[in-house]
Amino acid sequence: MLLKKLAAHIIRRAENRIGVKLDYTHKIAETHMGLLMRYNRIFGFLDPNKHVPALAYHTARLRGAIAADCGICVEAEINLAGQAGLDEATIDAVLRSDYSELPEDVTAVANLTDAVVGRYEDDTEAREIIKTAYGDAGLIEVSFAMNGAALLPNIKRAMGYATVCDIAVLRRQAWLSAG
């Protein structure tokens, strides 16, 4: 019982940090602590970001969450990108798939993410640009970011907790809550 209360407290702290409710995580904790521990390892897979700039990392996470079409997950990624220092205009551009103003290496991250988690394809040109810019460690970290951000919504969807994206509403909510 004490362990479940501690888990609930930690989950509430995470909710405050990312700005969204984690109902499905509470359900995992209530159901089985061993399953919660396994789930928490996913976050170790996603964080921390050490090998690419914040813009590249959060572009991969935003595009990954969008590909999985989970509104709450995209909202969380918007909040995390803002906390990492990305400005509204840049986040909006990534959300709209408007990569024209992004640096070439970040455009490559967006293109590879859209190909891999959005269309289940490859983009060898984007991968080479990323490797040139960030090395193999950066490519691996971007791969973790895009796929991890797409994995979490699918766990939620399987459990019945996912919400469909409405990017315009999410952008408006994020900017209203930030201001």
Protein backbone atom coordinates (compact mmCIF):
# COMPACT_ATOMS: atom_id res chain seq x y z
CA MET A 1 0.00 0.00 0.00
CA LEU A 2 2.79 2.43 0.88
CA LEU A 3 4.57 1.64 -2.38
CA LYS A 4 1.41 2.39 -4.36
CA LYS A 5 1.00 5.72 -2.56
CA LEU A 6 4.61 6.61 -3.35
CA ALA A 7 4.06 5.64 -6.98
CA ALA A 8 0.93 7.81 -7.16
CA HIS A 9 2.90 10.75 -5.73
CA ILE A 10 5.69 10.29 -8.28
CA ILE A 11 3.18 10.02 -11.12
CA ARG A 12 1.46 13.25 -9.97
CA ARG A 13 4.85 15.01 -9.99
CA ALA A 14 5.40 13.78 -13.56
CA GLU A 15 1.93 15.04 -14.51
CA ASN A 16 2.82 18.48 -13.15
CA ARG A 17 6.10 18.49 -15.06
CA ILE A 18 4.63 17.53 -18.43
CA GLY A 19 1.28 19.28 -18.02
CA VAL A 20 -1.04 16.36 -18.76
CA LYS A 21 -2.86 13.67 -16.79
CA LEU A 22 -1.32 10.21 -16.80
CA ASP A 23 -4.44 8.19 -16.00
CA TYR A 24 -3.10 5.10 -17.74
CA THR A 25 0.11 5.24 -15.65
CA HIS A 26 -1.97 5.42 -12.48
CA LYS A 27 -3.85 2.35 -13.73
CA ILE A 28 -0.60 0.47 -14.29
CA ALA A 29 0.56 1.36 -10.76
CA GLU A 30 -2.77 0.30 -9.24
CA THR A 31 -2.70 -2.97 -11.15
CA HIS A 32 0.85 -4.22 -10.59
CA MET A 33 4.02 -2.53 -9.36
CA GLY A 34 6.23 -4.85 -11.40
CA LEU A 35 4.46 -3.72 -14.57
CA LEU A 36 4.94 -0.09 -13.52
CA MET A 37 8.66 -0.71 -13.09
CA ARG A 38 8.84 -2.20 -16.58
CA TYR A 39 6.91 0.76 -17.97
CA ASN A 40 9.25 3.21 -16.23
CA ARG A 41 12.20 1.68 -18.07
CA ILE A 42 10.71 3.13 -21.25
CA PHE A 43 11.37 6.61 -19.89
CA GLY A 44 15.01 5.69 -19.37
CA PHE A 45 14.97 4.73 -23.03
CA LEU A 46 13.66 8.18 -23.99
CA ASP A 47 15.61 10.41 -21.63
CA PRO A 48 18.03 12.01 -21.22
CA ASN A 49 18.97 13.87 -24.37
CA LYS A 50 22.77 14.02 -24.54
CA HIS A 51 23.84 13.65 -28.17
CA VAL A 52 21.71 16.07 -30.22
CA PRO A 53 20.50 19.65 -29.78
CA ALA A 54 17.15 20.14 -28.06
CA LEU A 55 15.54 21.25 -31.34
CA ALA A 56 16.44 17.99 -33.08
CA TYR A 57 15.47 15.85 -30.09
CA HIS A 58 12.08 17.47 -29.58
CA THR A 59 11.37 17.53 -33.30
CA ALA A 60 11.77 13.75 -33.29
CA ARG A 61 9.55 13.40 -30.22
CA LEU A 62 6.85 15.74 -31.55
CA ARG A 63 6.72 14.06 -34.95
CA GLY A 64 6.76 10.61 -33.30
CA ALA A 65 3.81 11.47 -31.06
CA ILE A 66 1.92 12.99 -34.00
CA ALA A 67 2.46 9.81 -36.02
CA ALA A 68 0.89 7.80 -33.20
CA ASP A 69 -2.10 10.21 -33.20
CA CYS A 70 -2.55 10.67 -29.46
CA GLY A 71 -3.68 14.15 -28.48
CA ILE A 72 -2.56 14.02 -24.85
CA CYS A 73 0.86 12.70 -25.86
CA VAL A 74 1.31 15.48 -28.42
CA GLU A 75 0.24 18.00 -25.79
CA ALA A 76 2.86 16.59 -23.41
CA GLU A 77 5.51 16.80 -26.12
CA ILE A 78 4.54 20.42 -26.87
CA ASN A 79 4.96 21.22 -23.18
CA LEU A 80 8.31 19.43 -22.94
CA ALA A 81 9.60 21.16 -26.08
CA GLY A 82 8.63 24.53 -24.64
CA GLN A 83 10.34 23.69 -21.35
CA ALA A 84 13.48 22.80 -23.32
CA GLY A 85 13.52 26.30 -24.81
CA LEU A 86 11.88 25.81 -28.21
CA ASP A 87 9.82 28.86 -29.15
CA GLU A 88 6.16 28.80 -30.18
CA ALA A 89 6.83 29.50 -33.85
CA THR A 90 9.28 26.62 -34.15
CA ILE A 91 6.99 24.19 -32.34
CA ASP A 92 4.09 25.31 -34.55
CA ALA A 93 6.21 24.74 -37.66
CA VAL A 94 7.09 21.21 -36.53
CA LEU A 95 3.43 20.49 -35.72
CA ARG A 96 2.36 21.72 -39.17
CA SER A 97 5.13 19.77 -40.95
CA ASP A 98 6.52 23.09 -42.22
CA TYR A 99 10.25 22.43 -42.17
CA SER A 100 11.22 25.30 -44.50
CA GLU A 101 12.70 27.47 -41.74
CA LEU A 102 14.42 24.66 -39.84
CA PRO A 103 18.14 23.97 -40.16
CA GLU A 104 19.01 21.18 -42.60
CA ASP A 105 19.95 18.71 -39.84
CA VAL A 106 16.65 19.26 -38.01
CA THR A 107 14.69 18.98 -41.25
CA ALA A 108 16.45 15.64 -41.74
CA VAL A 109 15.34 14.56 -38.26
CA ALA A 110 11.74 15.50 -39.10
CA ASN A 111 11.90 13.76 -42.46
CA LEU A 112 13.39 10.58 -41.02
CA THR A 113 10.84 10.55 -38.20
CA ASP A 114 7.95 11.05 -40.62
CA ALA A 115 9.30 8.26 -42.82
CA VAL A 116 10.04 5.74 -40.06
CA VAL A 117 7.17 6.17 -37.59
CA GLY A 118 4.69 7.92 -39.87
CA ARG A 119 4.90 5.87 -43.04
CA TYR A 120 7.01 2.84 -41.97
CA GLU A 121 9.57 3.68 -44.64
CA ASP A 122 13.25 4.55 -44.79
CA ASP A 123 14.92 7.83 -45.70
CA THR A 124 18.59 7.15 -46.36
CA GLU A 125 19.37 10.75 -47.30
CA ALA A 126 17.94 12.11 -44.03
CA ARG A 127 19.81 9.45 -42.05
CA GLU A 128 23.12 10.44 -43.65
CA ILE A 129 22.53 14.12 -42.89
CA ILE A 130 21.80 13.24 -39.25
CA LYS A 131 24.90 11.04 -39.01
CA THR A 132 27.04 13.80 -40.50
CA ALA A 133 25.62 16.37 -38.09
CA TYR A 134 25.50 14.30 -34.88
CA GLY A 135 27.38 11.06 -35.47
CA ASP A 136 26.14 7.55 -34.81
CA ALA A 137 25.30 8.37 -31.18
CA GLY A 138 23.08 11.23 -32.34
CA LEU A 139 21.33 9.04 -34.89
CA ILE A 140 20.65 6.44 -32.22
CA GLU A 141 19.33 9.05 -29.80
CA VAL A 142 17.03 10.51 -32.48
CA SER A 143 15.86 6.95 -33.23
CA PHE A 144 15.05 6.40 -29.55
CA ALA A 145 13.24 9.76 -29.34
CA MET A 146 11.02 9.23 -32.39
CA ASN A 147 10.13 5.63 -31.63
CA GLY A 148 9.74 6.15 -27.89
CA ALA A 149 7.36 9.06 -28.44
CA ALA A 150 5.32 6.84 -30.78
CA LEU A 151 5.43 3.85 -28.40
CA LEU A 152 3.81 5.53 -25.40
CA PRO A 153 0.61 6.48 -27.27
CA ASN A 154 0.26 2.93 -28.50
CA ILE A 155 0.49 1.59 -24.94
CA LYS A 156 -2.22 4.10 -23.99
CA ARG A 157 -4.34 3.14 -27.01
CA ALA A 158 -4.11 -0.56 -26.18
CA MET A 159 -5.25 0.22 -22.63
CA GLY A 160 -8.11 2.44 -23.87
CA TYR A 161 -6.67 5.80 -22.76
CA ALA A 162 -5.54 7.44 -26.02
CA THR A 163 -7.20 10.55 -27.41
CA VAL A 164 -7.16 11.51 -31.08
CA CYS A 165 -5.06 14.51 -32.09
CA ASP A 166 -6.54 17.82 -33.07
CA ILE A 167 -3.34 19.79 -33.65
CA ALA A 168 -5.07 23.19 -33.84
CA VAL A 169 -6.76 22.65 -30.47
CA LEU A 170 -3.56 21.31 -28.92
CA ARG A 171 -1.52 24.29 -30.08
CA ARG A 172 -4.13 26.70 -28.71
CA GLN A 173 -4.26 24.86 -25.36
CA ALA A 174 -0.49 24.75 -25.04
CA TRP A 175 -0.07 28.47 -25.70
CA LEU A 176 -2.95 29.44 -23.40
CA SER A 177 -1.58 27.36 -20.53
CA ALA A 178 1.96 28.67 -21.09
CA GLY A 179 0.87 32.31 -21.05
